[in-house]
Amino acid sequence: ENVREFLLATSPLRRMSWQLCKVVSGLKTSDDMLKYLEQRHLFLIPLDRQGDWYRYHYLFGEFLQREFRRGSPEQYHAVCENAAIWCERNGHTTDAIQYSLDCGQFEKASKLIAGHALPIAQKKGDHYTVLDWMRRLPIAHQESHPEILLSHALSMAFSQNGHRAIELVDRVLTRLYVDTADGWQLTD
């Protein structure tokens, strides 16, 4: 039963360390549980040689998530919230954004995206991640920060959707210079 509960409680995690598992599952011996699962080849895949990060096999993980959402939607939501908080505190911002989107905390997700999407798109060239965030973030939240729309425009341009990129930049310029009453401005 302990293994089953641990598997379900950690199923929303895209990648997991024992510290993150401890936070979301409440199990103080999460490191032992991960070792137990790995030794028994229970669909756990190591992501590094040190054994710090793991993930579930995709099909197994999807099955666990579906069962967890169906059986305990409130607990699923709480796991995603706790994972987002832990990831943000520990410098895993991309993961924090994903978990915030998973649990519907769109305001938190939009603040994180506004602060991190441009560097991810410009410096890392990770346009796929930015486009995925935009697909999942409601339009009202996309327009809450100019940095979000500019990141979206940049990623659209690199995805060979220049017309959509121009529309997004025009929307930013209009809101910054024409609709100045709403207090919308770029941060430093």
N, C-alpha and C. Protein backbone atom coordinates (compact mmCIF):
# COMPACT_ATOMS: atom_id res chain seq x y z
N GLU A 1 0.82 -1.20 0.00
CA GLU A 1 0.00 0.00 0.00
C GLU A 1 0.86 1.26 0.00
N ASN A 2 1.98 1.23 0.74
CA ASN A 2 2.88 2.39 0.78
C ASN A 2 3.44 2.69 -0.60
N VAL A 3 3.81 1.65 -1.34
CA VAL A 3 4.35 1.83 -2.69
C VAL A 3 3.28 2.44 -3.59
N ARG A 4 2.08 1.91 -3.51
CA ARG A 4 0.97 2.43 -4.33
C ARG A 4 0.71 3.90 -4.05
N GLU A 5 0.65 4.27 -2.78
CA GLU A 5 0.41 5.67 -2.40
C GLU A 5 1.53 6.57 -2.89
N PHE A 6 2.77 6.10 -2.76
CA PHE A 6 3.92 6.89 -3.23
C PHE A 6 3.86 7.07 -4.74
N LEU A 7 3.57 6.00 -5.47
CA LEU A 7 3.48 6.08 -6.93
C LEU A 7 2.42 7.09 -7.36
N LEU A 8 1.26 7.03 -6.75
CA LEU A 8 0.19 7.96 -7.11
C LEU A 8 0.55 9.39 -6.74
N ALA A 9 1.08 9.58 -5.54
CA ALA A 9 1.39 10.94 -5.08
C ALA A 9 2.49 11.60 -5.89
N THR A 10 3.37 10.81 -6.47
CA THR A 10 4.47 11.38 -7.25
C THR A 10 4.20 11.33 -8.75
N SER A 11 3.07 10.81 -9.15
CA SER A 11 2.77 10.66 -10.58
C SER A 11 2.71 11.98 -11.35
N PRO A 12 2.31 13.12 -10.76
CA PRO A 12 2.31 14.36 -11.53
C PRO A 12 3.70 14.90 -11.85
N LEU A 13 4.72 14.37 -11.21
CA LEU A 13 6.07 14.90 -11.37
C LEU A 13 6.67 14.45 -12.70
N ARG A 14 7.16 15.41 -13.47
CA ARG A 14 7.80 15.12 -14.76
C ARG A 14 9.17 14.49 -14.55
N ARG A 15 9.86 14.97 -13.51
CA ARG A 15 11.11 14.38 -13.06
C ARG A 15 11.12 14.56 -11.56
N MET A 16 11.80 13.66 -10.88
CA MET A 16 11.71 13.69 -9.42
C MET A 16 13.04 13.37 -8.77
N SER A 17 13.26 14.07 -7.69
CA SER A 17 14.38 13.79 -6.79
C SER A 17 13.75 13.34 -5.48
N TRP A 18 14.58 12.78 -4.60
CA TRP A 18 13.99 12.33 -3.34
C TRP A 18 13.48 13.51 -2.53
N GLN A 19 14.14 14.69 -2.66
CA GLN A 19 13.69 15.86 -1.90
C GLN A 19 12.31 16.32 -2.39
N LEU A 20 12.13 16.36 -3.70
CA LEU A 20 10.84 16.76 -4.25
C LEU A 20 9.77 15.73 -3.90
N CYS A 21 10.11 14.46 -3.99
CA CYS A 21 9.16 13.41 -3.63
C CYS A 21 8.74 13.51 -2.16
N LYS A 22 9.70 13.85 -1.31
CA LYS A 22 9.41 14.00 0.12
C LYS A 22 8.39 15.12 0.34
N VAL A 23 8.56 16.22 -0.39
CA VAL A 23 7.65 17.36 -0.25
C VAL A 23 6.24 17.01 -0.72
N VAL A 24 6.12 16.36 -1.86
CA VAL A 24 4.78 16.12 -2.42
C VAL A 24 4.10 14.90 -1.83
N SER A 25 4.87 13.89 -1.40
CA SER A 25 4.26 12.67 -0.88
C SER A 25 4.13 12.67 0.64
N GLY A 26 4.96 13.48 1.31
CA GLY A 26 4.97 13.47 2.77
C GLY A 26 5.75 12.31 3.35
N LEU A 27 6.34 11.48 2.50
CA LEU A 27 7.10 10.31 2.94
C LEU A 27 8.54 10.72 3.25
N LYS A 28 8.92 10.59 4.51
CA LYS A 28 10.26 11.03 4.94
C LYS A 28 11.36 10.16 4.35
N THR A 29 11.04 8.96 3.97
CA THR A 29 12.05 8.04 3.41
C THR A 29 11.89 7.92 1.89
N SER A 30 11.66 9.03 1.24
CA SER A 30 11.47 9.02 -0.21
C SER A 30 12.71 8.51 -0.94
N ASP A 31 13.88 8.79 -0.41
CA ASP A 31 15.10 8.28 -1.05
C ASP A 31 15.12 6.76 -1.03
N ASP A 32 14.70 6.15 0.07
CA ASP A 32 14.64 4.69 0.15
C ASP A 32 13.58 4.13 -0.80
N MET A 33 12.47 4.84 -0.91
CA MET A 33 11.41 4.38 -1.81
C MET A 33 11.87 4.42 -3.26
N LEU A 34 12.56 5.47 -3.66
CA LEU A 34 13.08 5.55 -5.03
C LEU A 34 14.08 4.43 -5.30
N LYS A 35 14.95 4.14 -4.33
CA LYS A 35 15.91 3.04 -4.48
C LYS A 35 15.17 1.71 -4.60
N TYR A 36 14.15 1.53 -3.78
CA TYR A 36 13.33 0.32 -3.82
C TYR A 36 12.70 0.13 -5.20
N LEU A 37 12.12 1.19 -5.72
CA LEU A 37 11.48 1.12 -7.04
C LEU A 37 12.50 0.83 -8.14
N GLU A 38 13.66 1.48 -8.04
CA GLU A 38 14.70 1.27 -9.05
C GLU A 38 15.24 -0.16 -9.00
N GLN A 39 15.48 -0.68 -7.82
CA GLN A 39 16.02 -2.04 -7.68
C GLN A 39 15.06 -3.10 -8.20
N ARG A 40 13.78 -2.83 -8.13
CA ARG A 40 12.77 -3.79 -8.58
C ARG A 40 12.29 -3.51 -10.00
N HIS A 41 12.95 -2.56 -10.66
CA HIS A 41 12.62 -2.23 -12.06
C HIS A 41 11.13 -1.91 -12.24
N LEU A 42 10.61 -1.07 -11.34
CA LEU A 42 9.19 -0.71 -11.38
C LEU A 42 8.97 0.57 -12.18
N PHE A 43 9.33 0.52 -13.45
CA PHE A 43 9.05 1.59 -14.40
C PHE A 43 9.70 2.92 -14.03
N LEU A 44 10.76 2.88 -13.27
CA LEU A 44 11.48 4.08 -12.87
C LEU A 44 12.75 4.21 -13.71
N ILE A 45 12.94 5.35 -14.32
CA ILE A 45 14.07 5.57 -15.21
C ILE A 45 14.97 6.64 -14.61
N PRO A 46 16.25 6.29 -14.36
CA PRO A 46 17.18 7.31 -13.85
C PRO A 46 17.50 8.33 -14.95
N LEU A 47 17.60 9.59 -14.56
CA LEU A 47 17.91 10.66 -15.51
C LEU A 47 19.34 11.14 -15.42
N ASP A 48 20.07 10.67 -14.42
CA ASP A 48 21.49 11.03 -14.30
C ASP A 48 22.25 9.85 -13.70
N ARG A 49 23.53 9.92 -13.76
CA ARG A 49 24.37 8.81 -13.26
C ARG A 49 24.48 8.79 -11.75
N GLN A 50 24.23 9.93 -11.11
CA GLN A 50 24.34 10.00 -9.66
C GLN A 50 23.11 9.43 -8.96
N GLY A 51 22.03 9.22 -9.69
CA GLY A 51 20.79 8.75 -9.07
C GLY A 51 20.05 9.83 -8.32
N ASP A 52 20.24 11.08 -8.77
CA ASP A 52 19.54 12.20 -8.12
C ASP A 52 18.15 12.44 -8.71
N TRP A 53 18.00 12.21 -10.01
CA TRP A 53 16.76 12.51 -10.70
C TRP A 53 16.24 11.29 -11.45
N TYR A 54 14.92 11.12 -11.38
CA TYR A 54 14.25 10.00 -12.03
C TYR A 54 12.98 10.49 -12.72
N ARG A 55 12.41 9.62 -13.50
CA ARG A 55 11.07 9.82 -14.03
C ARG A 55 10.44 8.45 -14.22
N TYR A 56 9.13 8.42 -14.32
CA TYR A 56 8.44 7.16 -14.60
C TYR A 56 8.44 6.92 -16.10
N HIS A 57 8.38 5.67 -16.49
CA HIS A 57 8.17 5.34 -17.90
C HIS A 57 6.90 6.08 -18.34
N TYR A 58 6.92 6.64 -19.55
CA TYR A 58 5.82 7.51 -19.99
C TYR A 58 4.45 6.86 -19.87
N LEU A 59 4.30 5.66 -20.36
CA LEU A 59 2.98 5.02 -20.31
C LEU A 59 2.54 4.74 -18.88
N PHE A 60 3.47 4.28 -18.06
CA PHE A 60 3.17 4.02 -16.67
C PHE A 60 2.82 5.31 -15.94
N GLY A 61 3.60 6.36 -16.20
CA GLY A 61 3.34 7.66 -15.58
C GLY A 61 1.98 8.22 -15.96
N GLU A 62 1.62 8.10 -17.24
CA GLU A 62 0.30 8.57 -17.68
C GLU A 62 -0.82 7.79 -17.01
N PHE A 63 -0.63 6.49 -16.89
CA PHE A 63 -1.63 5.66 -16.21
C PHE A 63 -1.80 6.10 -14.75
N LEU A 64 -0.67 6.27 -14.05
CA LEU A 64 -0.73 6.70 -12.65
C LEU A 64 -1.41 8.06 -12.50
N GLN A 65 -1.05 9.00 -13.38
CA GLN A 65 -1.66 10.34 -13.32
C GLN A 65 -3.16 10.27 -13.52
N ARG A 66 -3.58 9.50 -14.50
CA ARG A 66 -5.02 9.38 -14.78
C ARG A 66 -5.75 8.81 -13.56
N GLU A 67 -5.16 7.78 -12.95
CA GLU A 67 -5.78 7.19 -11.75
C GLU A 67 -5.82 8.17 -10.59
N PHE A 68 -4.73 8.91 -10.41
CA PHE A 68 -4.64 9.87 -9.32
C PHE A 68 -5.64 11.01 -9.51
N ARG A 69 -5.71 11.55 -10.73
CA ARG A 69 -6.68 12.62 -11.01
C ARG A 69 -8.11 12.15 -10.82
N ARG A 70 -8.39 10.95 -11.28
CA ARG A 70 -9.75 10.42 -11.19
C ARG A 70 -10.13 10.16 -9.73
N GLY A 71 -9.21 9.58 -8.96
CA GLY A 71 -9.52 9.21 -7.59
C GLY A 71 -9.38 10.32 -6.57
N SER A 72 -8.46 11.26 -6.80
CA SER A 72 -8.19 12.31 -5.82
C SER A 72 -7.84 13.62 -6.51
N PRO A 73 -8.82 14.27 -7.17
CA PRO A 73 -8.49 15.49 -7.90
C PRO A 73 -7.95 16.61 -7.02
N GLU A 74 -8.44 16.73 -5.78
CA GLU A 74 -7.94 17.78 -4.89
C GLU A 74 -6.49 17.50 -4.50
N GLN A 75 -6.19 16.25 -4.24
CA GLN A 75 -4.83 15.87 -3.85
C GLN A 75 -3.88 16.05 -5.04
N TYR A 76 -4.34 15.73 -6.25
CA TYR A 76 -3.53 15.95 -7.45
C TYR A 76 -3.17 17.43 -7.56
N HIS A 77 -4.16 18.28 -7.38
CA HIS A 77 -3.96 19.73 -7.43
C HIS A 77 -2.94 20.16 -6.37
N ALA A 78 -3.07 19.62 -5.16
CA ALA A 78 -2.15 19.99 -4.07
C ALA A 78 -0.73 19.54 -4.37
N VAL A 79 -0.56 18.37 -4.97
CA VAL A 79 0.78 17.89 -5.33
C VAL A 79 1.41 18.84 -6.33
N CYS A 80 0.64 19.26 -7.33
CA CYS A 80 1.18 20.18 -8.34
C CYS A 80 1.54 21.53 -7.72
N GLU A 81 0.70 22.02 -6.81
CA GLU A 81 1.01 23.28 -6.11
C GLU A 81 2.30 23.17 -5.31
N ASN A 82 2.43 22.09 -4.54
CA ASN A 82 3.63 21.89 -3.72
C ASN A 82 4.87 21.72 -4.58
N ALA A 83 4.72 21.01 -5.69
CA ALA A 83 5.85 20.83 -6.61
C ALA A 83 6.27 22.17 -7.21
N ALA A 84 5.30 23.01 -7.56
CA ALA A 84 5.62 24.33 -8.12
C ALA A 84 6.38 25.18 -7.10
N ILE A 85 5.94 25.16 -5.87
CA ILE A 85 6.61 25.94 -4.82
C ILE A 85 8.04 25.43 -4.62
N TRP A 86 8.20 24.12 -4.50
CA TRP A 86 9.53 23.55 -4.28
C TRP A 86 10.46 23.86 -5.45
N CYS A 87 9.96 23.69 -6.67
CA CYS A 87 10.79 23.93 -7.85
C CYS A 87 11.21 25.39 -7.95
N GLU A 88 10.29 26.30 -7.66
CA GLU A 88 10.64 27.72 -7.72
C GLU A 88 11.71 28.05 -6.68
N ARG A 89 11.55 27.54 -5.47
CA ARG A 89 12.53 27.81 -4.40
C ARG A 89 13.90 27.22 -4.69
N ASN A 90 13.92 26.14 -5.47
CA ASN A 90 15.18 25.44 -5.71
C ASN A 90 15.75 25.70 -7.10
N GLY A 91 15.25 26.75 -7.77
CA GLY A 91 15.83 27.18 -9.03
C GLY A 91 15.44 26.37 -10.25
N HIS A 92 14.37 25.62 -10.16
CA HIS A 92 13.87 24.84 -11.30
C HIS A 92 12.63 25.54 -11.86
N THR A 93 12.84 26.73 -12.40
CA THR A 93 11.75 27.61 -12.80
C THR A 93 10.88 27.02 -13.89
N THR A 94 11.50 26.39 -14.87
CA THR A 94 10.71 25.79 -15.96
C THR A 94 9.73 24.76 -15.40
N ASP A 95 10.22 23.93 -14.47
CA ASP A 95 9.33 22.95 -13.84
C ASP A 95 8.26 23.64 -13.01
N ALA A 96 8.62 24.70 -12.30
CA ALA A 96 7.64 25.43 -11.49
C ALA A 96 6.51 25.98 -12.37
N ILE A 97 6.88 26.47 -13.55
CA ILE A 97 5.86 26.99 -14.48
C ILE A 97 4.94 25.86 -14.92
N GLN A 98 5.52 24.73 -15.28
CA GLN A 98 4.71 23.59 -15.73
C GLN A 98 3.72 23.15 -14.65
N TYR A 99 4.19 23.03 -13.41
CA TYR A 99 3.30 22.60 -12.33
C TYR A 99 2.25 23.65 -12.02
N SER A 100 2.60 24.93 -12.13
CA SER A 100 1.60 25.99 -11.92
C SER A 100 0.51 25.91 -12.99
N LEU A 101 0.91 25.64 -14.22
CA LEU A 101 -0.08 25.47 -15.29
C LEU A 101 -0.92 24.21 -15.05
N ASP A 102 -0.28 23.13 -14.58
CA ASP A 102 -1.00 21.88 -14.33
C ASP A 102 -2.12 22.04 -13.31
N CYS A 103 -1.89 22.87 -12.30
CA CYS A 103 -2.90 23.02 -11.25
C CYS A 103 -3.77 24.26 -11.45
N GLY A 104 -3.61 24.93 -12.59
CA GLY A 104 -4.49 26.05 -12.90
C GLY A 104 -4.15 27.34 -12.18
N GLN A 105 -2.95 27.46 -11.65
CA GLN A 105 -2.52 28.71 -11.01
C GLN A 105 -1.92 29.62 -12.08
N PHE A 106 -2.81 30.16 -12.90
CA PHE A 106 -2.38 30.90 -14.08
C PHE A 106 -1.73 32.23 -13.75
N GLU A 107 -2.15 32.87 -12.67
CA GLU A 107 -1.52 34.13 -12.29
C GLU A 107 -0.07 33.91 -11.88
N LYS A 108 0.16 32.88 -11.08
CA LYS A 108 1.53 32.55 -10.68
C LYS A 108 2.35 32.15 -11.90
N ALA A 109 1.77 31.33 -12.76
CA ALA A 109 2.47 30.90 -13.97
C ALA A 109 2.83 32.09 -14.84
N SER A 110 1.90 33.03 -15.00
CA SER A 110 2.17 34.19 -15.86
C SER A 110 3.28 35.06 -15.29
N LYS A 111 3.35 35.21 -13.97
CA LYS A 111 4.44 35.98 -13.36
C LYS A 111 5.79 35.30 -13.61
N LEU A 112 5.81 34.00 -13.45
CA LEU A 112 7.06 33.26 -13.69
C LEU A 112 7.45 33.31 -15.17
N ILE A 113 6.47 33.16 -16.04
CA ILE A 113 6.75 33.21 -17.48
C ILE A 113 7.28 34.59 -17.86
N ALA A 114 6.65 35.63 -17.32
CA ALA A 114 7.09 37.00 -17.64
C ALA A 114 8.55 37.21 -17.26
N GLY A 115 8.97 36.62 -16.17
CA GLY A 115 10.34 36.80 -15.72
C GLY A 115 11.36 35.89 -16.37
N HIS A 116 10.90 34.80 -16.99
CA HIS A 116 11.86 33.81 -17.47
C HIS A 116 11.73 33.41 -18.93
N ALA A 117 10.65 33.76 -19.60
CA ALA A 117 10.45 33.29 -20.97
C ALA A 117 11.41 33.92 -21.97
N LEU A 118 11.66 35.22 -21.85
CA LEU A 118 12.58 35.86 -22.79
C LEU A 118 13.98 35.25 -22.73
N PRO A 119 14.58 35.08 -21.55
CA PRO A 119 15.90 34.43 -21.53
C PRO A 119 15.86 33.00 -22.07
N ILE A 120 14.79 32.28 -21.80
CA ILE A 120 14.68 30.91 -22.31
C ILE A 120 14.61 30.92 -23.83
N ALA A 121 13.85 31.86 -24.38
CA ALA A 121 13.73 31.94 -25.83
C ALA A 121 14.99 32.53 -26.47
N GLN A 122 15.52 33.62 -25.90
CA GLN A 122 16.67 34.30 -26.50
C GLN A 122 17.98 33.58 -26.27
N LYS A 123 18.28 33.23 -25.05
CA LYS A 123 19.59 32.68 -24.73
C LYS A 123 19.68 31.18 -24.97
N LYS A 124 18.61 30.47 -24.64
CA LYS A 124 18.63 29.02 -24.79
C LYS A 124 18.03 28.57 -26.12
N GLY A 125 17.28 29.44 -26.76
CA GLY A 125 16.63 29.07 -28.03
C GLY A 125 15.55 28.01 -27.87
N ASP A 126 14.98 27.93 -26.67
CA ASP A 126 13.96 26.91 -26.38
C ASP A 126 12.57 27.46 -26.68
N HIS A 127 12.28 27.58 -27.96
CA HIS A 127 11.00 28.15 -28.39
C HIS A 127 9.85 27.16 -28.21
N TYR A 128 10.15 25.88 -28.28
CA TYR A 128 9.10 24.89 -28.10
C TYR A 128 8.46 25.03 -26.71
N THR A 129 9.29 25.20 -25.68
CA THR A 129 8.77 25.33 -24.32
C THR A 129 7.90 26.58 -24.20
N VAL A 130 8.37 27.69 -24.74
CA VAL A 130 7.59 28.94 -24.68
C VAL A 130 6.25 28.77 -25.41
N LEU A 131 6.27 28.16 -26.58
CA LEU A 131 5.03 27.95 -27.33
C LEU A 131 4.08 27.01 -26.59
N ASP A 132 4.63 26.01 -25.91
CA ASP A 132 3.79 25.11 -25.12
C ASP A 132 3.14 25.86 -23.97
N TRP A 133 3.90 26.74 -23.30
CA TRP A 133 3.30 27.56 -22.23
C TRP A 133 2.17 28.41 -22.77
N MET A 134 2.37 29.02 -23.92
CA MET A 134 1.34 29.89 -24.50
C MET A 134 0.10 29.09 -24.88
N ARG A 135 0.30 27.88 -25.30
CA ARG A 135 -0.83 27.01 -25.65
C ARG A 135 -1.67 26.71 -24.40
N ARG A 136 -1.01 26.60 -23.27
CA ARG A 136 -1.68 26.21 -22.04
C ARG A 136 -2.17 27.40 -21.20
N LEU A 137 -1.58 28.57 -21.41
CA LEU A 137 -1.91 29.75 -20.62
C LEU A 137 -3.10 30.49 -21.26
N PRO A 138 -4.17 30.72 -20.52
CA PRO A 138 -5.31 31.45 -21.10
C PRO A 138 -4.90 32.83 -21.63
N ILE A 139 -5.56 33.28 -22.66
CA ILE A 139 -5.21 34.54 -23.34
C ILE A 139 -5.19 35.72 -22.37
N ALA A 140 -6.14 35.78 -21.47
CA ALA A 140 -6.17 36.90 -20.51
C ALA A 140 -4.87 36.97 -19.72
N HIS A 141 -4.30 35.82 -19.38
CA HIS A 141 -3.04 35.80 -18.63
C HIS A 141 -1.85 36.05 -19.54
N GLN A 142 -1.95 35.66 -20.79
CA GLN A 142 -0.87 35.95 -21.75
C GLN A 142 -0.70 37.46 -21.89
N GLU A 143 -1.79 38.18 -21.79
CA GLU A 143 -1.76 39.63 -21.98
C GLU A 143 -1.56 40.39 -20.68
N SER A 144 -1.25 39.68 -19.61
CA SER A 144 -1.06 40.36 -18.33
C SER A 144 0.32 41.02 -18.21
N HIS A 145 1.26 40.60 -19.04
CA HIS A 145 2.62 41.14 -19.01
C HIS A 145 3.14 41.28 -20.44
N PRO A 146 3.75 42.40 -20.78
CA PRO A 146 4.28 42.55 -22.14
C PRO A 146 5.39 41.54 -22.44
N GLU A 147 6.15 41.16 -21.43
CA GLU A 147 7.23 40.19 -21.63
C GLU A 147 6.70 38.86 -22.15
N ILE A 148 5.51 38.49 -21.73
CA ILE A 148 4.92 37.22 -22.19
C ILE A 148 4.63 37.31 -23.68
N LEU A 149 3.97 38.40 -24.09
CA LEU A 149 3.64 38.55 -25.51
C LEU A 149 4.90 38.67 -26.37
N LEU A 150 5.92 39.36 -25.87
CA LEU A 150 7.16 39.48 -26.64
C LEU A 150 7.87 38.13 -26.77
N SER A 151 7.86 37.35 -25.72
CA SER A 151 8.45 36.01 -25.78
C SER A 151 7.68 35.14 -26.76
N HIS A 152 6.37 35.27 -26.71
CA HIS A 152 5.52 34.52 -27.63
C HIS A 152 5.81 34.93 -29.07
N ALA A 153 5.95 36.22 -29.30
CA ALA A 153 6.24 36.73 -30.65
C ALA A 153 7.59 36.20 -31.14
N LEU A 154 8.60 36.24 -30.28
CA LEU A 154 9.92 35.75 -30.67
C LEU A 154 9.87 34.27 -31.04
N SER A 155 9.18 33.50 -30.24
CA SER A 155 9.09 32.06 -30.52
C SER A 155 8.26 31.78 -31.77
N MET A 156 7.24 32.60 -32.00
CA MET A 156 6.47 32.44 -33.24
C MET A 156 7.33 32.77 -34.45
N ALA A 157 8.14 33.80 -34.35
CA ALA A 157 9.02 34.17 -35.47
C ALA A 157 10.00 33.04 -35.78
N PHE A 158 10.55 32.44 -34.76
CA PHE A 158 11.48 31.33 -34.98
C PHE A 158 10.78 30.05 -35.41
N SER A 159 9.48 30.01 -35.25
CA SER A 159 8.70 28.85 -35.69
C SER A 159 8.10 29.09 -37.07
N GLN A 160 8.60 30.10 -37.75
CA GLN A 160 8.19 30.45 -39.10
C GLN A 160 6.71 30.85 -39.18
N ASN A 161 6.27 31.55 -38.15
CA ASN A 161 4.92 32.11 -38.15
C ASN A 161 5.07 33.62 -37.97
N GLY A 162 5.70 34.25 -38.95
CA GLY A 162 6.01 35.67 -38.89
C GLY A 162 4.80 36.57 -38.77
N HIS A 163 3.72 36.22 -39.44
CA HIS A 163 2.51 37.06 -39.38
C HIS A 163 1.96 37.12 -37.95
N ARG A 164 1.93 35.98 -37.28
CA ARG A 164 1.44 35.95 -35.90
C ARG A 164 2.41 36.71 -34.98
N ALA A 165 3.71 36.60 -35.24
CA ALA A 165 4.71 37.32 -34.45
C ALA A 165 4.51 38.83 -34.57
N ILE A 166 4.26 39.29 -35.77
CA ILE A 166 4.03 40.73 -36.00
C ILE A 166 2.77 41.19 -35.29
N GLU A 167 1.71 40.38 -35.34
CA GLU A 167 0.47 40.73 -34.63
C GLU A 167 0.73 40.89 -33.13
N LEU A 168 1.49 39.98 -32.56
CA LEU A 168 1.78 40.04 -31.13
C LEU A 168 2.61 41.28 -30.76
N VAL A 169 3.61 41.59 -31.56
CA VAL A 169 4.43 42.79 -31.31
C VAL A 169 3.58 44.05 -31.46
N ASP A 170 2.73 44.10 -32.47
CA ASP A 170 1.82 45.25 -32.63
C ASP A 170 0.92 45.41 -31.41
N ARG A 171 0.44 44.29 -30.86
CA ARG A 171 -0.42 44.35 -29.68
C ARG A 171 0.36 44.92 -28.49
N VAL A 172 1.61 44.51 -28.34
CA VAL A 172 2.44 45.04 -27.26
C VAL A 172 2.65 46.54 -27.43
N LEU A 173 3.03 46.96 -28.64
CA LEU A 173 3.28 48.38 -28.90
C LEU A 173 2.03 49.22 -28.67
N THR A 174 0.90 48.73 -29.10
CA THR A 174 -0.36 49.46 -28.90
C THR A 174 -0.64 49.63 -27.42
N ARG A 175 -0.49 48.56 -26.66
CA ARG A 175 -0.79 48.66 -25.23
C ARG A 175 0.23 49.51 -24.49
N LEU A 176 1.48 49.49 -24.93
CA LEU A 176 2.51 50.28 -24.25
C LEU A 176 2.40 51.77 -24.56
N TYR A 177 2.07 52.11 -25.81
CA TYR A 177 2.13 53.51 -26.22
C TYR A 177 0.79 54.17 -26.47
N VAL A 178 -0.24 53.38 -26.68
CA VAL A 178 -1.56 53.97 -26.93
C VAL A 178 -2.45 53.82 -25.71
N ASP A 179 -2.51 52.62 -25.16
CA ASP A 179 -3.37 52.36 -24.01
C ASP A 179 -2.58 52.50 -22.70
N THR A 180 -1.95 53.63 -22.50
CA THR A 180 -1.08 53.81 -21.33
C THR A 180 -1.84 53.88 -20.03
N ALA A 181 -3.13 54.02 -20.06
CA ALA A 181 -3.91 54.17 -18.83
C ALA A 181 -3.97 52.89 -18.00
N ASP A 182 -3.74 51.74 -18.63
CA ASP A 182 -3.87 50.49 -17.86
C ASP A 182 -2.61 50.13 -17.08
N GLY A 183 -1.57 50.95 -17.12
CA GLY A 183 -0.37 50.73 -16.31
C GLY A 183 0.51 49.59 -16.80
N TRP A 184 0.35 49.21 -18.01
CA TRP A 184 1.10 48.09 -18.61
C TRP A 184 2.47 48.60 -19.01
N GLN A 185 3.53 48.02 -18.47
CA GLN A 185 4.87 48.48 -18.84
C GLN A 185 5.87 47.34 -18.72
N LEU A 186 6.94 47.46 -19.47
CA LEU A 186 8.01 46.48 -19.43
C LEU A 186 8.82 46.64 -18.15
N THR A 187 9.28 45.53 -17.60
CA THR A 187 10.19 45.60 -16.46
C THR A 187 11.61 45.71 -17.01
N ASP A 188 12.55 46.03 -16.13
CA ASP A 188 13.94 46.17 -16.57
C ASP A 188 14.44 44.87 -16.95
